[in-house]
Amino acid sequence: MEPLLVFPDPPPADLARLLDLAGHPWKAVDDEKSALNEAPDDGWGGAIIVVGERSEAAWALARAIRKNDVVVEPLLLVIGGNRLDELELRDELYDDFCLDPFHPRELEARLRHVFWRGGTGATPDLVEYGGLVLNLETYQAAIDGAPIDLTYMEYELLKFLAQHPGKVFTRETLLSRVWGYEYYGGARTVDVHIRRLRAKLGEEHANLISTVRSVGYRFGQSRWTA
């Protein structure tokens, strides 16, 4: 999977965090010269150009890409709403754009779309439910774009539940499926990890994991919920 070219260097922290979470390899460049000199042997997998305070340099890089001085395809712009007038008469310089500040899920959706349309790159293995995103390749997790600091077993438990939304699991089943048949910690272990997961998901999203009385736990909505 070829790395993405990202401008500027360093990129905005929220953009770098999203790319890391989504499993996209990337490298930041400061101008068209560094984009050319630092190009990987197999080429760039695409480009994300932030049109911000250094808008002239951003557009210069976009023009260099379109002239094939720097070979990159496709190209996504991230641009502030106060700069939308800069898009006029420049349609040929980009494949898609996303308004800044962006919602992480919107930007990731646009990346998926533009890469699929361009036939480039491979999407990482993700589990998504509502605002929750789990990257199965990097063991990273985020809720509404904000990283969640999970232990290994917290991640494994959340991953298992999120991969089976709407299904109820007993504590014993969770022990055997997540911890393994040889784990003897008891059902209390599940309760402790559920409580910690809810705390880390935050008050707004804690109800993603619901308690089914006298049975166990369920992630997300039941298929029978109206």
C-alpha atoms as a PDB file:
ATOM      1  CA  MET A   1       0.000   0.000   0.000  1.00  0.00           C
ATOM      2  CA  GLU A   2       1.767   3.138  -1.228  1.00  0.00           C
ATOM      3  CA  PRO A   3       1.944   6.076   1.185  1.00  0.00           C
ATOM      4  CA  LEU A   4      -0.170   9.163   0.724  1.00  0.00           C
ATOM      5  CA  LEU A   5       1.450  12.490  -0.020  1.00  0.00           C
ATOM      6  CA  VAL A   6       0.254  15.001   2.583  1.00  0.00           C
ATOM      7  CA  PHE A   7       0.742  18.780   2.524  1.00  0.00           C
ATOM      8  CA  PRO A   8       1.844  20.733   4.552  1.00  0.00           C
ATOM      9  CA  ASP A   9       4.686  19.441   6.705  1.00  0.00           C
ATOM     10  CA  PRO A  10       3.809  19.041   9.519  1.00  0.00           C
ATOM     11  CA  PRO A  11       0.142  18.359   8.741  1.00  0.00           C
ATOM     12  CA  PRO A  12      -2.701  19.385  11.061  1.00  0.00           C
ATOM     13  CA  ALA A  13      -2.771  17.104  14.103  1.00  0.00           C
ATOM     14  CA  ASP A  14      -6.377  15.975  13.527  1.00  0.00           C
ATOM     15  CA  LEU A  15      -5.553  14.946   9.950  1.00  0.00           C
ATOM     16  CA  ALA A  16      -2.465  12.983  11.009  1.00  0.00           C
ATOM     17  CA  ARG A  17      -4.463  11.266  13.749  1.00  0.00           C
ATOM     18  CA  LEU A  18      -7.243  10.259  11.353  1.00  0.00           C
ATOM     19  CA  LEU A  19      -4.807   8.827   8.808  1.00  0.00           C
ATOM     20  CA  ASP A  20      -2.984   6.846  11.502  1.00  0.00           C
ATOM     21  CA  LEU A  21      -6.219   5.505  12.935  1.00  0.00           C
ATOM     22  CA  ALA A  22      -7.537   4.500   9.516  1.00  0.00           C
ATOM     23  CA  GLY A  23      -4.277   2.705   8.715  1.00  0.00           C
ATOM     24  CA  HIS A  24      -3.236   4.897   5.779  1.00  0.00           C
ATOM     25  CA  PRO A  25       0.550   5.151   5.423  1.00  0.00           C
ATOM     26  CA  TRP A  26       1.513   8.749   4.665  1.00  0.00           C
ATOM     27  CA  LYS A  27       4.394  11.173   4.398  1.00  0.00           C
ATOM     28  CA  ALA A  28       4.224  14.948   4.720  1.00  0.00           C
ATOM     29  CA  VAL A  29       5.977  17.232   2.241  1.00  0.00           C
ATOM     30  CA  ASP A  30       6.521  20.979   2.209  1.00  0.00           C
ATOM     31  CA  ASP A  31       6.545  21.746  -1.523  1.00  0.00           C
ATOM     32  CA  GLU A  32       6.595  20.188  -4.999  1.00  0.00           C
ATOM     33  CA  LYS A  33      10.367  19.723  -4.891  1.00  0.00           C
ATOM     34  CA  SER A  34      10.264  17.591  -1.742  1.00  0.00           C
ATOM     35  CA  ALA A  35       7.232  15.728  -3.135  1.00  0.00           C
ATOM     36  CA  LEU A  36       9.319  14.760  -6.156  1.00  0.00           C
ATOM     37  CA  ASN A  37      12.534  13.979  -4.286  1.00  0.00           C
ATOM     38  CA  GLU A  38      10.867  11.950  -1.544  1.00  0.00           C
ATOM     39  CA  ALA A  39       8.517   9.959  -3.777  1.00  0.00           C
ATOM     40  CA  PRO A  40       8.520   6.215  -2.903  1.00  0.00           C
ATOM     41  CA  ASP A  41       9.900   3.771  -5.446  1.00  0.00           C
ATOM     42  CA  ASP A  42       6.374   2.578  -6.252  1.00  0.00           C
ATOM     43  CA  GLY A  43       4.994   6.113  -6.336  1.00  0.00           C
ATOM     44  CA  TRP A  44       2.507   7.922  -4.133  1.00  0.00           C
ATOM     45  CA  GLY A  45      -0.811   6.279  -3.333  1.00  0.00           C
ATOM     46  CA  GLY A  46      -2.671   9.575  -3.532  1.00  0.00           C
ATOM     47  CA  ALA A  47      -2.458  13.119  -2.196  1.00  0.00           C
ATOM     48  CA  ILE A  48      -4.179  15.153   0.498  1.00  0.00           C
ATOM     49  CA  ILE A  49      -3.494  18.871   0.253  1.00  0.00           C
ATOM     50  CA  VAL A  50      -4.649  21.224   3.000  1.00  0.00           C
ATOM     51  CA  VAL A  51      -5.414  24.657   1.576  1.00  0.00           C
ATOM     52  CA  GLY A  52      -4.863  26.863   4.600  1.00  0.00           C
ATOM     53  CA  GLU A  53      -2.503  29.658   5.556  1.00  0.00           C
ATOM     54  CA  ARG A  54      -0.048  28.543   2.863  1.00  0.00           C
ATOM     55  CA  SER A  55      -2.638  28.429   0.118  1.00  0.00           C
ATOM     56  CA  GLU A  56      -0.248  29.588  -2.619  1.00  0.00           C
ATOM     57  CA  ALA A  57       2.143  26.723  -1.891  1.00  0.00           C
ATOM     58  CA  ALA A  58      -0.812  24.305  -1.727  1.00  0.00           C
ATOM     59  CA  TRP A  59      -2.082  25.326  -5.157  1.00  0.00           C
ATOM     60  CA  ALA A  60       1.447  25.253  -6.593  1.00  0.00           C
ATOM     61  CA  LEU A  61       1.770  21.630  -5.476  1.00  0.00           C
ATOM     62  CA  ALA A  62      -1.646  20.790  -6.948  1.00  0.00           C
ATOM     63  CA  ARG A  63      -0.604  22.301 -10.280  1.00  0.00           C
ATOM     64  CA  ALA A  64       2.669  20.368 -10.254  1.00  0.00           C
ATOM     65  CA  ILE A  65       0.713  17.163  -9.656  1.00  0.00           C
ATOM     66  CA  ARG A  66      -1.690  17.855 -12.497  1.00  0.00           C
ATOM     67  CA  LYS A  67       1.199  18.658 -14.867  1.00  0.00           C
ATOM     68  CA  ASN A  68       2.730  15.287 -13.866  1.00  0.00           C
ATOM     69  CA  ASP A  69       5.817  17.001 -12.487  1.00  0.00           C
ATOM     70  CA  VAL A  70       4.862  14.979  -9.401  1.00  0.00           C
ATOM     71  CA  VAL A  71       2.983  11.812 -10.339  1.00  0.00           C
ATOM     72  CA  VAL A  72       0.070  11.408  -7.911  1.00  0.00           C
ATOM     73  CA  GLU A  73      -3.482  10.200  -8.443  1.00  0.00           C
ATOM     74  CA  PRO A  74      -6.020  10.913  -6.998  1.00  0.00           C
ATOM     75  CA  LEU A  75      -5.914  14.272  -5.187  1.00  0.00           C
ATOM     76  CA  LEU A  76      -8.167  15.337  -2.309  1.00  0.00           C
ATOM     77  CA  LEU A  77      -8.272  18.915  -1.014  1.00  0.00           C
ATOM     78  CA  VAL A  78      -9.059  19.907   2.569  1.00  0.00           C
ATOM     79  CA  ILE A  79     -10.120  23.542   2.499  1.00  0.00           C
ATOM     80  CA  GLY A  80     -11.679  26.013   4.928  1.00  0.00           C
ATOM     81  CA  GLY A  81     -15.133  27.392   4.230  1.00  0.00           C
ATOM     82  CA  ASN A  82     -13.703  30.908   4.104  1.00  0.00           C
ATOM     83  CA  ARG A  83     -11.523  29.880   1.131  1.00  0.00           C
ATOM     84  CA  LEU A  84     -14.152  28.250  -1.083  1.00  0.00           C
ATOM     85  CA  ASP A  85     -13.829  31.053  -3.602  1.00  0.00           C
ATOM     86  CA  GLU A  86     -10.338  29.708  -4.353  1.00  0.00           C
ATOM     87  CA  LEU A  87     -11.941  26.637  -5.931  1.00  0.00           C
ATOM     88  CA  GLU A  88     -13.376  28.701  -8.773  1.00  0.00           C
ATOM     89  CA  LEU A  89     -11.790  27.915 -12.148  1.00  0.00           C
ATOM     90  CA  ARG A  90      -9.597  25.257 -10.516  1.00  0.00           C
ATOM     91  CA  ASP A  91     -11.803  22.189 -10.979  1.00  0.00           C
ATOM     92  CA  GLU A  92      -9.083  20.444 -12.945  1.00  0.00           C
ATOM     93  CA  LEU A  93      -6.627  20.625 -10.044  1.00  0.00           C
ATOM     94  CA  TYR A  94      -8.389  18.187  -7.679  1.00  0.00           C
ATOM     95  CA  ASP A  95     -10.644  15.126  -7.632  1.00  0.00           C
ATOM     96  CA  ASP A  96     -12.681  15.978  -4.532  1.00  0.00           C
ATOM     97  CA  PHE A  97     -12.611  18.336  -1.566  1.00  0.00           C
ATOM     98  CA  CYS A  98     -13.641  18.291   2.087  1.00  0.00           C
ATOM     99  CA  LEU A  99     -14.446  21.331   4.206  1.00  0.00           C
ATOM    100  CA  ASP A 100     -12.149  22.147   7.110  1.00  0.00           C
ATOM    101  CA  PRO A 101     -12.750  21.743  10.019  1.00  0.00           C
ATOM    102  CA  PHE A 102     -13.895  18.287   9.000  1.00  0.00           C
ATOM    103  CA  HIS A 103     -15.740  15.498  10.745  1.00  0.00           C
ATOM    104  CA  PRO A 104     -13.425  12.456  10.810  1.00  0.00           C
ATOM    105  CA  ARG A 105     -16.089  10.135   9.425  1.00  0.00           C
ATOM    106  CA  GLU A 106     -16.796  12.469   6.509  1.00  0.00           C
ATOM    107  CA  LEU A 107     -13.142  12.777   5.552  1.00  0.00           C
ATOM    108  CA  GLU A 108     -12.615   9.020   5.790  1.00  0.00           C
ATOM    109  CA  ALA A 109     -15.699   8.474   3.611  1.00  0.00           C
ATOM    110  CA  ARG A 110     -14.346  10.900   1.010  1.00  0.00           C
ATOM    111  CA  LEU A 111     -10.963   9.167   1.057  1.00  0.00           C
ATOM    112  CA  ARG A 112     -12.633   5.816   0.472  1.00  0.00           C
ATOM    113  CA  HIS A 113     -14.731   7.243  -2.350  1.00  0.00           C
ATOM    114  CA  VAL A 114     -11.939   9.018  -4.183  1.00  0.00           C
ATOM    115  CA  PHE A 115      -9.586   6.023  -3.884  1.00  0.00           C
ATOM    116  CA  TRP A 116     -12.283   3.633  -5.089  1.00  0.00           C
ATOM    117  CA  ARG A 117     -13.086   5.929  -8.009  1.00  0.00           C
ATOM    118  CA  GLY A 118      -9.413   6.214  -8.876  1.00  0.00           C
ATOM    119  CA  GLY A 119      -8.831   2.497  -8.464  1.00  0.00           C
ATOM    120  CA  THR A 120      -5.921   3.044  -6.089  1.00  0.00           C
ATOM    121  CA  GLY A 121      -4.902   1.764  -2.708  1.00  0.00           C
ATOM    122  CA  ALA A 122      -6.476  -0.737  -0.398  1.00  0.00           C
ATOM    123  CA  THR A 123      -8.777   0.137   2.480  1.00  0.00           C
ATOM    124  CA  PRO A 124      -7.720  -1.062   5.917  1.00  0.00           C
ATOM    125  CA  ASP A 125      -9.732  -3.640   7.851  1.00  0.00           C
ATOM    126  CA  LEU A 126     -12.092  -1.594  10.016  1.00  0.00           C
ATOM    127  CA  VAL A 127     -15.044  -2.274  12.288  1.00  0.00           C
ATOM    128  CA  GLU A 128     -17.398   0.709  12.381  1.00  0.00           C
ATOM    129  CA  TYR A 129     -20.593   1.271  14.343  1.00  0.00           C
ATOM    130  CA  GLY A 130     -22.042   4.737  14.792  1.00  0.00           C
ATOM    131  CA  GLY A 131     -19.141   6.941  15.823  1.00  0.00           C
ATOM    132  CA  LEU A 132     -16.951   4.005  16.849  1.00  0.00           C
ATOM    133  CA  VAL A 133     -14.071   2.923  14.602  1.00  0.00           C
ATOM    134  CA  LEU A 134     -11.757  -0.018  15.325  1.00  0.00           C
ATOM    135  CA  ASN A 135      -8.730  -0.571  13.113  1.00  0.00           C
ATOM    136  CA  LEU A 136      -8.035  -4.308  13.164  1.00  0.00           C
ATOM    137  CA  GLU A 137      -4.584  -3.858  11.626  1.00  0.00           C
ATOM    138  CA  THR A 138      -3.181  -1.280  14.038  1.00  0.00           C
ATOM    139  CA  TYR A 139      -5.263  -2.063  17.156  1.00  0.00           C
ATOM    140  CA  GLN A 140      -6.352   1.564  17.364  1.00  0.00           C
ATOM    141  CA  ALA A 141      -9.805   2.726  18.408  1.00  0.00           C
ATOM    142  CA  ALA A 142     -11.636   6.029  18.248  1.00  0.00           C
ATOM    143  CA  ILE A 143     -15.059   7.402  19.041  1.00  0.00           C
ATOM    144  CA  ASP A 144     -16.229  10.384  16.966  1.00  0.00           C
ATOM    145  CA  GLY A 145     -12.641  10.794  15.801  1.00  0.00           C
ATOM    146  CA  ALA A 146     -11.154  10.978  19.314  1.00  0.00           C
ATOM    147  CA  PRO A 147      -8.674   8.177  20.148  1.00  0.00           C
ATOM    148  CA  ILE A 148      -9.591   5.730  22.925  1.00  0.00           C
ATOM    149  CA  ASP A 149      -6.770   4.361  25.055  1.00  0.00           C
ATOM    150  CA  LEU A 150      -7.644   0.678  25.509  1.00  0.00           C
ATOM    151  CA  THR A 151      -5.756  -2.208  27.034  1.00  0.00           C
ATOM    152  CA  TYR A 152      -5.304  -5.294  24.891  1.00  0.00           C
ATOM    153  CA  MET A 153      -8.198  -7.201  26.470  1.00  0.00           C
ATOM    154  CA  GLU A 154     -10.477  -4.149  26.478  1.00  0.00           C
ATOM    155  CA  TYR A 155      -9.833  -3.843  22.758  1.00  0.00           C
ATOM    156  CA  GLU A 156     -10.444  -7.551  22.164  1.00  0.00           C
ATOM    157  CA  LEU A 157     -13.719  -7.453  24.087  1.00  0.00           C
ATOM    158  CA  LEU A 158     -14.947  -4.321  22.311  1.00  0.00           C
ATOM    159  CA  LYS A 159     -13.929  -5.746  18.945  1.00  0.00           C
ATOM    160  CA  PHE A 160     -15.819  -8.982  19.558  1.00  0.00           C
ATOM    161  CA  LEU A 161     -18.967  -7.166  20.670  1.00  0.00           C
ATOM    162  CA  ALA A 162     -18.817  -4.643  17.810  1.00  0.00           C
ATOM    163  CA  GLN A 163     -18.464  -7.454  15.270  1.00  0.00           C
ATOM    164  CA  HIS A 164     -21.768  -8.923  16.502  1.00  0.00           C
ATOM    165  CA  PRO A 165     -24.103  -5.927  16.940  1.00  0.00           C
ATOM    166  CA  GLY A 166     -27.511  -6.656  18.388  1.00  0.00           C
ATOM    167  CA  LYS A 167     -26.583 -10.109  19.685  1.00  0.00           C
ATOM    168  CA  VAL A 168     -26.721 -10.921  23.399  1.00  0.00           C
ATOM    169  CA  PHE A 169     -23.803 -12.804  24.958  1.00  0.00           C
ATOM    170  CA  THR A 170     -23.641 -14.357  28.393  1.00  0.00           C
ATOM    171  CA  ARG A 171     -20.628 -13.635  30.573  1.00  0.00           C
ATOM    172  CA  GLU A 172     -19.533 -17.243  30.188  1.00  0.00           C
ATOM    173  CA  THR A 173     -19.668 -17.007  26.390  1.00  0.00           C
ATOM    174  CA  LEU A 174     -17.646 -13.804  26.421  1.00  0.00           C
ATOM    175  CA  LEU A 175     -15.061 -15.437  28.675  1.00  0.00           C
ATOM    176  CA  SER A 176     -14.644 -18.374  26.328  1.00  0.00           C
ATOM    177  CA  ARG A 177     -14.731 -16.371  23.082  1.00  0.00           C
ATOM    178  CA  VAL A 178     -12.560 -13.429  24.154  1.00  0.00           C
ATOM    179  CA  TRP A 179     -10.341 -14.722  26.942  1.00  0.00           C
ATOM    180  CA  GLY A 180     -10.249 -18.369  25.884  1.00  0.00           C
ATOM    181  CA  TYR A 181     -11.451 -21.615  27.403  1.00  0.00           C
ATOM    182  CA  GLU A 182      -8.466 -21.880  29.711  1.00  0.00           C
ATOM    183  CA  TYR A 183      -9.090 -18.559  31.449  1.00  0.00           C
ATOM    184  CA  TYR A 184     -10.268 -18.974  35.025  1.00  0.00           C
ATOM    185  CA  GLY A 185     -10.831 -15.363  36.033  1.00  0.00           C
ATOM    186  CA  GLY A 186     -14.579 -15.825  36.356  1.00  0.00           C
ATOM    187  CA  ALA A 187     -17.545 -13.787  35.153  1.00  0.00           C
ATOM    188  CA  ARG A 188     -16.482 -10.891  37.366  1.00  0.00           C
ATOM    189  CA  THR A 189     -13.657 -10.246  34.864  1.00  0.00           C
ATOM    190  CA  VAL A 190     -16.214  -9.522  32.153  1.00  0.00           C
ATOM    191  CA  ASP A 191     -18.139  -7.098  34.368  1.00  0.00           C
ATOM    192  CA  VAL A 192     -14.984  -5.171  35.237  1.00  0.00           C
ATOM    193  CA  HIS A 193     -13.948  -4.841  31.586  1.00  0.00           C
ATOM    194  CA  ILE A 194     -17.458  -3.794  30.517  1.00  0.00           C
ATOM    195  CA  ARG A 195     -17.492  -1.098  33.185  1.00  0.00           C
ATOM    196  CA  ARG A 196     -14.101   0.198  32.068  1.00  0.00           C
ATOM    197  CA  LEU A 197     -15.129   0.170  28.402  1.00  0.00           C
ATOM    198  CA  ARG A 198     -18.246   2.196  29.155  1.00  0.00           C
ATOM    199  CA  ALA A 199     -16.171   4.733  31.061  1.00  0.00           C
ATOM    200  CA  LYS A 200     -13.726   5.092  28.175  1.00  0.00           C
ATOM    201  CA  LEU A 201     -16.496   5.372  25.583  1.00  0.00           C
ATOM    202  CA  GLY A 202     -17.797   8.338  27.530  1.00  0.00           C
ATOM    203  CA  GLU A 203     -21.230   9.221  28.830  1.00  0.00           C
ATOM    204  CA  GLU A 204     -22.635   9.895  25.358  1.00  0.00           C
ATOM    205  CA  HIS A 205     -21.649   6.459  24.001  1.00  0.00           C
ATOM    206  CA  ALA A 206     -21.627   4.253  27.101  1.00  0.00           C
ATOM    207  CA  ASN A 207     -25.044   2.896  26.119  1.00  0.00           C
ATOM    208  CA  LEU A 208     -23.498   1.216  23.084  1.00  0.00           C
ATOM    209  CA  ILE A 209     -23.000  -1.685  25.506  1.00  0.00           C
ATOM    210  CA  SER A 210     -26.253  -2.524  27.262  1.00  0.00           C
ATOM    211  CA  THR A 211     -26.937  -4.980  30.061  1.00  0.00           C
ATOM    212  CA  VAL A 212     -29.582  -7.618  29.387  1.00  0.00           C
ATOM    213  CA  ARG A 213     -30.877  -8.561  32.814  1.00  0.00           C
ATOM    214  CA  SER A 214     -30.215 -12.145  33.921  1.00  0.00           C
ATOM    215  CA  VAL A 215     -28.497 -12.883  30.593  1.00  0.00           C
ATOM    216  CA  GLY A 216     -25.422 -10.790  29.772  1.00  0.00           C
ATOM    217  CA  TYR A 217     -24.436  -7.953  27.453  1.00  0.00           C
ATOM    218  CA  ARG A 218     -25.375  -6.648  24.022  1.00  0.00           C
ATOM    219  CA  PHE A 219     -23.581  -4.187  21.751  1.00  0.00           C
ATOM    220  CA  GLY A 220     -25.693  -1.797  19.698  1.00  0.00           C
ATOM    221  CA  GLN A 221     -29.370  -2.162  18.937  1.00  0.00           C
ATOM    222  CA  SER A 222     -31.285  -5.406  18.872  1.00  0.00           C
ATOM    223  CA  ARG A 223     -32.627  -6.404  15.466  1.00  0.00           C
ATOM    224  CA  TRP A 224     -36.090  -6.426  17.096  1.00  0.00           C
ATOM    225  CA  THR A 225     -35.877  -2.810  18.256  1.00  0.00           C
ATOM    226  CA  ALA A 226     -38.495  -0.695  16.538  1.00  0.00           C
END
